[in-house]
């Protein structure tokens, strides 16, 4: 593999990682908003509204975990490319 190919691949992966970082920040903000809304609107003893928020929070946390996993995969690929230089 030529050095230019390695550098191009590294650049592309870096941009993809930046996109995922932006996505991660958005998900974290959405989670904060859901928690805040849940505190204001949900029943303290639990109930249907609380359950709806809990489900939405669970989905966002799962989305965040997947994003972090993807970021780690990309970081590993970048590290592999750096070892080729």
Protein backbone atom coordinates (compact mmCIF):
# COMPACT_ATOMS: atom_id res chain seq x y z
CA UNK A 1 0.00 0.00 0.00
CA UNK A 2 1.35 3.40 -1.00
CA UNK A 3 1.87 6.10 1.61
CA UNK A 4 -0.67 8.35 -0.12
CA UNK A 5 -3.28 5.58 0.08
CA UNK A 6 -2.56 5.15 3.78
CA UNK A 7 -2.80 8.89 4.42
CA UNK A 8 -6.05 9.16 2.44
CA UNK A 9 -7.56 6.25 4.35
CA UNK A 10 -6.43 7.77 7.65
CA UNK A 11 -7.95 11.13 6.69
CA UNK A 12 -11.26 9.53 5.70
CA UNK A 13 -11.40 7.54 8.93
CA UNK A 14 -10.57 10.68 10.90
CA UNK A 15 -13.48 12.54 9.31
CA UNK A 16 -15.80 9.62 10.01
CA UNK A 17 -14.63 9.62 13.63
CA UNK A 18 -15.35 13.36 13.88
CA UNK A 19 -18.86 12.79 12.54
CA UNK A 20 -19.42 10.11 15.18
CA UNK A 21 -18.10 12.44 17.90
CA UNK A 22 -20.65 15.03 16.80
CA UNK A 23 -23.37 12.36 16.84
CA UNK A 24 -22.24 11.27 20.31
CA UNK A 25 -22.53 14.82 21.65
CA UNK A 26 -26.03 15.10 20.19
CA UNK A 27 -27.12 11.85 21.80
CA UNK A 28 -25.74 12.96 25.16
CA UNK A 29 -27.69 16.22 24.90
CA UNK A 30 -30.85 14.29 24.00
CA UNK A 31 -30.33 12.05 27.02
CA UNK A 32 -29.94 15.08 29.30
CA UNK A 33 -33.16 16.51 27.86
CA UNK A 34 -35.04 13.23 28.36
CA UNK A 35 -33.87 13.00 31.97
CA UNK A 36 -34.93 16.59 32.61
CA UNK A 37 -38.35 16.06 31.02
CA UNK A 38 -38.81 12.83 32.94
CA UNK A 39 -38.15 14.61 36.24
CA UNK A 40 -40.74 17.24 35.37
CA UNK A 41 -43.47 15.12 33.78
CA UNK A 42 -43.23 11.55 35.01
CA UNK A 43 -44.95 10.20 38.07
CA UNK A 44 -42.52 9.85 41.02
CA UNK A 45 -44.02 6.47 41.95
CA UNK A 46 -43.79 5.22 38.37
CA UNK A 47 -46.48 4.74 35.81
CA UNK A 48 -47.07 4.89 32.06
CA UNK A 49 -45.37 8.25 31.50
CA UNK A 50 -42.36 7.13 33.52
CA UNK A 51 -42.25 3.91 31.50
CA UNK A 52 -42.31 5.85 28.23
CA UNK A 53 -39.38 7.98 29.32
CA UNK A 54 -37.50 4.95 30.61
CA UNK A 55 -37.93 3.25 27.22
CA UNK A 56 -36.80 6.38 25.34
CA UNK A 57 -33.77 6.74 27.62
CA UNK A 58 -32.89 3.06 27.17
CA UNK A 59 -33.03 3.44 23.37
CA UNK A 60 -30.80 6.55 23.46
CA UNK A 61 -28.32 4.85 25.78
CA UNK A 62 -28.20 1.88 23.40
CA UNK A 63 -27.63 4.28 20.48
CA UNK A 64 -24.83 5.96 22.45
CA UNK A 65 -23.18 2.61 23.19
CA UNK A 66 -23.29 1.69 19.51
CA UNK A 67 -21.78 5.05 18.52
CA UNK A 68 -18.96 4.63 21.05
CA UNK A 69 -18.32 1.11 19.73
CA UNK A 70 -18.10 2.43 16.16
CA UNK A 71 -15.72 5.18 17.30
CA UNK A 72 -13.46 2.60 18.92
CA UNK A 73 -13.40 0.48 15.77
CA UNK A 74 -12.40 3.52 13.72
CA UNK A 75 -9.75 4.51 16.27
CA UNK A 76 -8.30 1.01 16.05
CA UNK A 77 -8.21 1.21 12.25
CA UNK A 78 -6.48 4.60 12.41
CA UNK A 79 -3.89 3.15 14.78
CA UNK A 80 -3.28 0.24 12.39
CA UNK A 81 -2.71 2.68 9.55
CA UNK A 82 -0.34 4.77 11.66
CA UNK A 83 1.72 1.63 12.30
CA UNK A 84 2.12 1.22 8.53
CA UNK A 85 3.72 4.63 8.12
